[in-house]
């Protein structure tokens, strides 16, 4: 059942992002680049078309209470920094819930902005590999657009760039005929902390609990990955 749980969570999260994008930039993907790229992401995740259309409609409905995008920052057990991004129609409920997860699992919620410096905010694009494309050439082209890393993964190319350059990077890729399959914003820790297997278990329990909350969009942390993980 875990996979279904994850899928439902991905659809909820993407649905909110689509609603937020449609609300701020209009419901037409032709004139709304953020919405356009989110619809590609939804396609990649096999999100049903109905769900996508419903999410766009929601943004234009007069009964719709806007989602507020709020970040919460805190420390989990063993001093692991945890950054929580939420999209909620009730911030009072969300902050109370997030605080209670930290408290119950041996962590504490900090003040907003207290952990920003521990993470680099990046945009990330997955594009389909084109014949004869050289990663070095692409990276050189994109350096002026704030891109700092270009990776290869099977038949895809993954591009990491500065958060603020997201629109410029997307425009370059679209103008140059690259097929963007998905795009997201990530926070990458600029330093990671090693933990023991036992400590990892306690920290992961807290992270999983936070991720289960339907107001939560993303959770980032600075715990080192297990040996053997990518």
C-alpha atoms as a PDB file:
ATOM      1  CA  UNK A   1       0.000   0.000   0.000  1.00  0.00           C
ATOM      2  CA  UNK A   2       2.962   2.321   0.575  1.00  0.00           C
ATOM      3  CA  UNK A   3       3.293   3.097  -3.136  1.00  0.00           C
ATOM      4  CA  UNK A   4      -0.366   4.090  -3.357  1.00  0.00           C
ATOM      5  CA  UNK A   5       0.073   6.287  -0.306  1.00  0.00           C
ATOM      6  CA  UNK A   6       3.030   7.955  -2.004  1.00  0.00           C
ATOM      7  CA  UNK A   7       1.128   8.413  -5.256  1.00  0.00           C
ATOM      8  CA  UNK A   8      -1.818  10.009  -3.490  1.00  0.00           C
ATOM      9  CA  UNK A   9       0.609  12.325  -1.706  1.00  0.00           C
ATOM     10  CA  UNK A  10       2.355  13.261  -4.964  1.00  0.00           C
ATOM     11  CA  UNK A  11      -1.009  14.054  -6.599  1.00  0.00           C
ATOM     12  CA  UNK A  12      -2.154  16.176  -3.634  1.00  0.00           C
ATOM     13  CA  UNK A  13       1.125  18.075  -3.608  1.00  0.00           C
ATOM     14  CA  UNK A  14       1.171  18.643  -7.369  1.00  0.00           C
ATOM     15  CA  UNK A  15      -2.513  19.600  -7.341  1.00  0.00           C
ATOM     16  CA  UNK A  16      -1.783  22.368  -4.845  1.00  0.00           C
ATOM     17  CA  UNK A  17       1.217  23.597  -6.842  1.00  0.00           C
ATOM     18  CA  UNK A  18      -0.945  23.698  -9.988  1.00  0.00           C
ATOM     19  CA  UNK A  19      -3.700  25.623  -8.170  1.00  0.00           C
ATOM     20  CA  UNK A  20      -1.161  28.114  -6.769  1.00  0.00           C
ATOM     21  CA  UNK A  21       0.441  28.592 -10.214  1.00  0.00           C
ATOM     22  CA  UNK A  22      -2.957  29.035 -11.919  1.00  0.00           C
ATOM     23  CA  UNK A  23      -4.043  31.511  -9.240  1.00  0.00           C
ATOM     24  CA  UNK A  24      -0.940  33.670  -9.599  1.00  0.00           C
ATOM     25  CA  UNK A  25      -0.350  33.443 -13.363  1.00  0.00           C
ATOM     26  CA  UNK A  26      -3.732  32.577 -14.845  1.00  0.00           C
ATOM     27  CA  UNK A  27      -5.290  29.258 -15.933  1.00  0.00           C
ATOM     28  CA  UNK A  28      -3.841  29.161 -19.470  1.00  0.00           C
ATOM     29  CA  UNK A  29      -0.591  27.144 -19.732  1.00  0.00           C
ATOM     30  CA  UNK A  30       0.267  28.954 -22.999  1.00  0.00           C
ATOM     31  CA  UNK A  31       0.736  32.225 -21.124  1.00  0.00           C
ATOM     32  CA  UNK A  32       1.724  30.769 -17.740  1.00  0.00           C
ATOM     33  CA  UNK A  33       5.185  29.130 -17.882  1.00  0.00           C
ATOM     34  CA  UNK A  34       5.048  27.816 -14.298  1.00  0.00           C
ATOM     35  CA  UNK A  35       1.698  26.135 -14.940  1.00  0.00           C
ATOM     36  CA  UNK A  36       2.999  24.747 -18.250  1.00  0.00           C
ATOM     37  CA  UNK A  37       5.954  23.024 -16.624  1.00  0.00           C
ATOM     38  CA  UNK A  38       3.849  21.711 -13.717  1.00  0.00           C
ATOM     39  CA  UNK A  39       1.453  20.120 -16.207  1.00  0.00           C
ATOM     40  CA  UNK A  40       4.461  18.314 -17.737  1.00  0.00           C
ATOM     41  CA  UNK A  41       5.477  17.134 -14.266  1.00  0.00           C
ATOM     42  CA  UNK A  42       1.929  15.880 -13.641  1.00  0.00           C
ATOM     43  CA  UNK A  43       2.089  13.951 -16.916  1.00  0.00           C
ATOM     44  CA  UNK A  44       5.398  12.359 -15.915  1.00  0.00           C
ATOM     45  CA  UNK A  45       3.893  11.311 -12.563  1.00  0.00           C
ATOM     46  CA  UNK A  46       0.849   9.791 -14.360  1.00  0.00           C
ATOM     47  CA  UNK A  47      -1.487  12.167 -12.573  1.00  0.00           C
ATOM     48  CA  UNK A  48      -4.976  11.823 -14.137  1.00  0.00           C
ATOM     49  CA  UNK A  49      -5.998  14.686 -16.461  1.00  0.00           C
ATOM     50  CA  UNK A  50      -9.176  15.173 -14.378  1.00  0.00           C
ATOM     51  CA  UNK A  51      -7.093  15.934 -11.293  1.00  0.00           C
ATOM     52  CA  UNK A  52      -5.055  18.490 -13.227  1.00  0.00           C
ATOM     53  CA  UNK A  53      -8.158  20.193 -14.640  1.00  0.00           C
ATOM     54  CA  UNK A  54      -9.804  20.210 -11.219  1.00  0.00           C
ATOM     55  CA  UNK A  55      -6.732  21.850  -9.683  1.00  0.00           C
ATOM     56  CA  UNK A  56      -6.761  24.601 -12.347  1.00  0.00           C
ATOM     57  CA  UNK A  57     -10.532  25.130 -11.956  1.00  0.00           C
ATOM     58  CA  UNK A  58     -10.120  25.430  -8.208  1.00  0.00           C
ATOM     59  CA  UNK A  59      -7.921  28.521  -8.678  1.00  0.00           C
ATOM     60  CA  UNK A  60     -10.664  30.346 -10.576  1.00  0.00           C
ATOM     61  CA  UNK A  61     -13.549  29.275  -8.312  1.00  0.00           C
ATOM     62  CA  UNK A  62     -15.000  32.101  -6.232  1.00  0.00           C
ATOM     63  CA  UNK A  63     -15.329  29.783  -3.214  1.00  0.00           C
ATOM     64  CA  UNK A  64     -11.628  28.981  -3.220  1.00  0.00           C
ATOM     65  CA  UNK A  65      -9.725  30.020  -0.100  1.00  0.00           C
ATOM     66  CA  UNK A  66      -6.208  30.780  -1.237  1.00  0.00           C
ATOM     67  CA  UNK A  67      -3.320  28.564  -0.152  1.00  0.00           C
ATOM     68  CA  UNK A  68      -0.613  30.313   1.802  1.00  0.00           C
ATOM     69  CA  UNK A  69       2.898  28.997   1.241  1.00  0.00           C
ATOM     70  CA  UNK A  70       4.604  28.883   4.638  1.00  0.00           C
ATOM     71  CA  UNK A  71       8.018  27.530   5.636  1.00  0.00           C
ATOM     72  CA  UNK A  72       8.838  26.080   9.045  1.00  0.00           C
ATOM     73  CA  UNK A  73      12.342  25.394  10.276  1.00  0.00           C
ATOM     74  CA  UNK A  74      13.477  23.334  13.202  1.00  0.00           C
ATOM     75  CA  UNK A  75      15.884  20.789  14.578  1.00  0.00           C
ATOM     76  CA  UNK A  76      15.112  17.101  14.792  1.00  0.00           C
ATOM     77  CA  UNK A  77      16.805  14.723  17.196  1.00  0.00           C
ATOM     78  CA  UNK A  78      20.642  14.804  17.225  1.00  0.00           C
ATOM     79  CA  UNK A  79      20.772  18.351  15.842  1.00  0.00           C
ATOM     80  CA  UNK A  80      19.567  17.524  12.338  1.00  0.00           C
ATOM     81  CA  UNK A  81      18.206  20.620  10.588  1.00  0.00           C
ATOM     82  CA  UNK A  82      14.756  20.140   9.037  1.00  0.00           C
ATOM     83  CA  UNK A  83      13.159  22.584   6.607  1.00  0.00           C
ATOM     84  CA  UNK A  84       9.409  22.161   6.011  1.00  0.00           C
ATOM     85  CA  UNK A  85       7.541  23.787   3.111  1.00  0.00           C
ATOM     86  CA  UNK A  86       3.750  23.890   3.367  1.00  0.00           C
ATOM     87  CA  UNK A  87       0.790  25.149   1.345  1.00  0.00           C
ATOM     88  CA  UNK A  88      -2.224  25.604   3.567  1.00  0.00           C
ATOM     89  CA  UNK A  89      -5.613  27.276   3.846  1.00  0.00           C
ATOM     90  CA  UNK A  90      -5.275  27.347   7.633  1.00  0.00           C
ATOM     91  CA  UNK A  91      -1.879  28.391   8.980  1.00  0.00           C
ATOM     92  CA  UNK A  92      -2.993  28.101  12.627  1.00  0.00           C
ATOM     93  CA  UNK A  93      -3.716  24.399  12.149  1.00  0.00           C
ATOM     94  CA  UNK A  94      -0.520  23.804  10.181  1.00  0.00           C
ATOM     95  CA  UNK A  95       1.905  25.424  12.610  1.00  0.00           C
ATOM     96  CA  UNK A  96       0.257  23.656  15.575  1.00  0.00           C
ATOM     97  CA  UNK A  97       0.588  20.295  13.802  1.00  0.00           C
ATOM     98  CA  UNK A  98       4.166  20.826  12.656  1.00  0.00           C
ATOM     99  CA  UNK A  99       5.195  21.998  16.138  1.00  0.00           C
ATOM    100  CA  UNK A 100       3.582  18.936  17.734  1.00  0.00           C
ATOM    101  CA  UNK A 101       5.470  16.546  15.392  1.00  0.00           C
ATOM    102  CA  UNK A 102       8.794  18.142  16.335  1.00  0.00           C
ATOM    103  CA  UNK A 103       7.958  18.074  20.056  1.00  0.00           C
ATOM    104  CA  UNK A 104       6.737  14.458  20.069  1.00  0.00           C
ATOM    105  CA  UNK A 105       9.818  13.216  18.262  1.00  0.00           C
ATOM    106  CA  UNK A 106      12.522  14.913  20.314  1.00  0.00           C
ATOM    107  CA  UNK A 107      12.966  17.987  18.136  1.00  0.00           C
ATOM    108  CA  UNK A 108      11.977  21.630  18.317  1.00  0.00           C
ATOM    109  CA  UNK A 109      10.537  24.175  15.920  1.00  0.00           C
ATOM    110  CA  UNK A 110      12.771  27.221  15.422  1.00  0.00           C
ATOM    111  CA  UNK A 111      12.082  30.728  14.200  1.00  0.00           C
ATOM    112  CA  UNK A 112      11.496  31.370  10.512  1.00  0.00           C
ATOM    113  CA  UNK A 113      14.703  32.163   8.674  1.00  0.00           C
ATOM    114  CA  UNK A 114      16.903  30.539  11.313  1.00  0.00           C
ATOM    115  CA  UNK A 115      18.016  27.697   9.014  1.00  0.00           C
ATOM    116  CA  UNK A 116      17.860  29.344   5.577  1.00  0.00           C
ATOM    117  CA  UNK A 117      21.663  29.634   5.521  1.00  0.00           C
ATOM    118  CA  UNK A 118      22.105  25.851   5.864  1.00  0.00           C
ATOM    119  CA  UNK A 119      20.414  25.146   2.524  1.00  0.00           C
ATOM    120  CA  UNK A 120      20.866  26.349  -1.038  1.00  0.00           C
ATOM    121  CA  UNK A 121      17.534  26.999  -2.757  1.00  0.00           C
ATOM    122  CA  UNK A 122      17.726  25.561  -6.285  1.00  0.00           C
ATOM    123  CA  UNK A 123      15.495  24.901  -9.250  1.00  0.00           C
ATOM    124  CA  UNK A 124      15.797  21.505 -10.890  1.00  0.00           C
ATOM    125  CA  UNK A 125      14.727  20.511 -14.402  1.00  0.00           C
ATOM    126  CA  UNK A 126      14.540  17.065 -15.968  1.00  0.00           C
ATOM    127  CA  UNK A 127      14.808  17.186 -19.741  1.00  0.00           C
ATOM    128  CA  UNK A 128      14.752  14.452 -22.384  1.00  0.00           C
ATOM    129  CA  UNK A 129      18.147  13.782 -23.942  1.00  0.00           C
ATOM    130  CA  UNK A 130      18.457  15.011 -27.524  1.00  0.00           C
ATOM    131  CA  UNK A 131      20.582  13.199 -30.100  1.00  0.00           C
ATOM    132  CA  UNK A 132      24.096  14.513 -30.358  1.00  0.00           C
ATOM    133  CA  UNK A 133      23.776  16.768 -27.335  1.00  0.00           C
ATOM    134  CA  UNK A 134      26.985  17.324 -25.396  1.00  0.00           C
ATOM    135  CA  UNK A 135      26.550  17.869 -21.658  1.00  0.00           C
ATOM    136  CA  UNK A 136      29.640  20.114 -21.569  1.00  0.00           C
ATOM    137  CA  UNK A 137      28.253  22.352 -24.322  1.00  0.00           C
ATOM    138  CA  UNK A 138      24.861  22.531 -22.638  1.00  0.00           C
ATOM    139  CA  UNK A 139      26.477  23.397 -19.308  1.00  0.00           C
ATOM    140  CA  UNK A 140      28.561  26.151 -20.950  1.00  0.00           C
ATOM    141  CA  UNK A 141      25.437  27.565 -22.617  1.00  0.00           C
ATOM    142  CA  UNK A 142      23.543  27.554 -19.338  1.00  0.00           C
ATOM    143  CA  UNK A 143      26.240  28.979 -17.049  1.00  0.00           C
ATOM    144  CA  UNK A 144      25.027  32.505 -17.909  1.00  0.00           C
ATOM    145  CA  UNK A 145      21.561  31.456 -16.716  1.00  0.00           C
ATOM    146  CA  UNK A 146      22.705  30.569 -13.202  1.00  0.00           C
ATOM    147  CA  UNK A 147      23.012  26.820 -13.823  1.00  0.00           C
ATOM    148  CA  UNK A 148      25.701  25.208 -11.697  1.00  0.00           C
ATOM    149  CA  UNK A 149      25.269  21.503 -12.422  1.00  0.00           C
ATOM    150  CA  UNK A 150      24.211  19.307 -15.326  1.00  0.00           C
ATOM    151  CA  UNK A 151      23.889  15.551 -14.695  1.00  0.00           C
ATOM    152  CA  UNK A 152      22.938  12.563 -16.778  1.00  0.00           C
ATOM    153  CA  UNK A 153      20.491   9.871 -15.720  1.00  0.00           C
ATOM    154  CA  UNK A 154      19.681   7.193 -18.310  1.00  0.00           C
ATOM    155  CA  UNK A 155      17.715   8.987 -21.054  1.00  0.00           C
ATOM    156  CA  UNK A 156      17.323  12.216 -19.082  1.00  0.00           C
ATOM    157  CA  UNK A 157      19.454  15.223 -18.278  1.00  0.00           C
ATOM    158  CA  UNK A 158      19.052  16.863 -14.870  1.00  0.00           C
ATOM    159  CA  UNK A 159      19.831  20.554 -14.506  1.00  0.00           C
ATOM    160  CA  UNK A 160      20.333  22.405 -11.202  1.00  0.00           C
ATOM    161  CA  UNK A 161      20.269  26.181 -11.165  1.00  0.00           C
ATOM    162  CA  UNK A 162      19.769  29.185  -8.929  1.00  0.00           C
ATOM    163  CA  UNK A 163      16.204  29.453  -7.643  1.00  0.00           C
ATOM    164  CA  UNK A 164      15.822  33.035  -8.875  1.00  0.00           C
ATOM    165  CA  UNK A 165      16.869  32.014 -12.412  1.00  0.00           C
ATOM    166  CA  UNK A 166      14.090  29.426 -12.750  1.00  0.00           C
ATOM    167  CA  UNK A 167      12.072  31.356 -15.391  1.00  0.00           C
ATOM    168  CA  UNK A 168      15.144  32.248 -17.463  1.00  0.00           C
ATOM    169  CA  UNK A 169      16.345  28.619 -17.499  1.00  0.00           C
ATOM    170  CA  UNK A 170      12.885  27.336 -18.439  1.00  0.00           C
ATOM    171  CA  UNK A 171      12.643  29.907 -21.260  1.00  0.00           C
ATOM    172  CA  UNK A 172      16.073  28.922 -22.630  1.00  0.00           C
ATOM    173  CA  UNK A 173      15.173  25.211 -22.617  1.00  0.00           C
ATOM    174  CA  UNK A 174      11.789  25.793 -24.284  1.00  0.00           C
ATOM    175  CA  UNK A 175      13.222  28.215 -26.871  1.00  0.00           C
ATOM    176  CA  UNK A 176      15.900  25.679 -27.771  1.00  0.00           C
ATOM    177  CA  UNK A 177      13.498  22.800 -28.267  1.00  0.00           C
ATOM    178  CA  UNK A 178      14.265  20.780 -25.146  1.00  0.00           C
ATOM    179  CA  UNK A 179      11.428  18.690 -23.773  1.00  0.00           C
ATOM    180  CA  UNK A 180      11.071  19.435 -20.048  1.00  0.00           C
ATOM    181  CA  UNK A 181       9.561  16.391 -18.338  1.00  0.00           C
ATOM    182  CA  UNK A 182       9.495  17.875 -14.836  1.00  0.00           C
ATOM    183  CA  UNK A 183      10.616  20.809 -12.769  1.00  0.00           C
ATOM    184  CA  UNK A 184      10.756  21.390  -9.029  1.00  0.00           C
ATOM    185  CA  UNK A 185      12.369  23.563  -6.387  1.00  0.00           C
ATOM    186  CA  UNK A 186      14.723  21.901  -3.928  1.00  0.00           C
ATOM    187  CA  UNK A 187      16.762  22.941  -0.913  1.00  0.00           C
ATOM    188  CA  UNK A 188      20.169  21.282  -0.914  1.00  0.00           C
ATOM    189  CA  UNK A 189      22.107  21.212   2.387  1.00  0.00           C
ATOM    190  CA  UNK A 190      25.513  22.821   2.024  1.00  0.00           C
ATOM    191  CA  UNK A 191      26.882  20.545   4.723  1.00  0.00           C
ATOM    192  CA  UNK A 192      25.596  17.159   5.884  1.00  0.00           C
ATOM    193  CA  UNK A 193      25.792  15.491   9.296  1.00  0.00           C
ATOM    194  CA  UNK A 194      26.731  11.856   9.749  1.00  0.00           C
ATOM    195  CA  UNK A 195      24.432   9.808  12.008  1.00  0.00           C
ATOM    196  CA  UNK A 196      24.371   6.258  13.361  1.00  0.00           C
ATOM    197  CA  UNK A 197      21.771   3.730  12.148  1.00  0.00           C
ATOM    198  CA  UNK A 198      19.870   4.128  15.419  1.00  0.00           C
ATOM    199  CA  UNK A 199      19.861   7.927  15.198  1.00  0.00           C
ATOM    200  CA  UNK A 200      18.770   7.750  11.543  1.00  0.00           C
ATOM    201  CA  UNK A 201      15.741   5.687  12.545  1.00  0.00           C
ATOM    202  CA  UNK A 202      14.596   8.296  15.090  1.00  0.00           C
ATOM    203  CA  UNK A 203      15.103  11.164  12.634  1.00  0.00           C
ATOM    204  CA  UNK A 204      13.317   9.345   9.796  1.00  0.00           C
ATOM    205  CA  UNK A 205      10.310   8.722  12.054  1.00  0.00           C
ATOM    206  CA  UNK A 206       9.946  12.483  12.533  1.00  0.00           C
ATOM    207  CA  UNK A 207      10.458  13.241   8.817  1.00  0.00           C
ATOM    208  CA  UNK A 208       7.872  10.618   7.805  1.00  0.00           C
ATOM    209  CA  UNK A 209       5.372  11.998  10.307  1.00  0.00           C
ATOM    210  CA  UNK A 210       5.819  15.524   8.930  1.00  0.00           C
ATOM    211  CA  UNK A 211       5.497  14.282   5.336  1.00  0.00           C
ATOM    212  CA  UNK A 212       2.195  12.565   6.148  1.00  0.00           C
ATOM    213  CA  UNK A 213       0.567  15.906   6.963  1.00  0.00           C
ATOM    214  CA  UNK A 214      -1.582  16.963   4.028  1.00  0.00           C
ATOM    215  CA  UNK A 215      -0.542  20.624   4.353  1.00  0.00           C
ATOM    216  CA  UNK A 216       3.127  19.684   3.900  1.00  0.00           C
ATOM    217  CA  UNK A 217       4.575  20.001   0.393  1.00  0.00           C
ATOM    218  CA  UNK A 218       8.271  19.217   0.947  1.00  0.00           C
ATOM    219  CA  UNK A 219      10.673  18.306   3.725  1.00  0.00           C
ATOM    220  CA  UNK A 220      14.422  18.903   3.408  1.00  0.00           C
ATOM    221  CA  UNK A 221      17.118  17.975   5.955  1.00  0.00           C
ATOM    222  CA  UNK A 222      20.893  17.874   6.332  1.00  0.00           C
ATOM    223  CA  UNK A 223      21.304  14.252   7.430  1.00  0.00           C
ATOM    224  CA  UNK A 224      23.957  12.410   5.403  1.00  0.00           C
ATOM    225  CA  UNK A 225      22.566   9.670   3.189  1.00  0.00           C
ATOM    226  CA  UNK A 226      23.134   6.057   4.075  1.00  0.00           C
ATOM    227  CA  UNK A 227      26.234   4.470   2.610  1.00  0.00           C
ATOM    228  CA  UNK A 228      25.331   2.911  -0.716  1.00  0.00           C
ATOM    229  CA  UNK A 229      22.604   5.474  -1.449  1.00  0.00           C
ATOM    230  CA  UNK A 230      23.022   7.829  -4.399  1.00  0.00           C
END
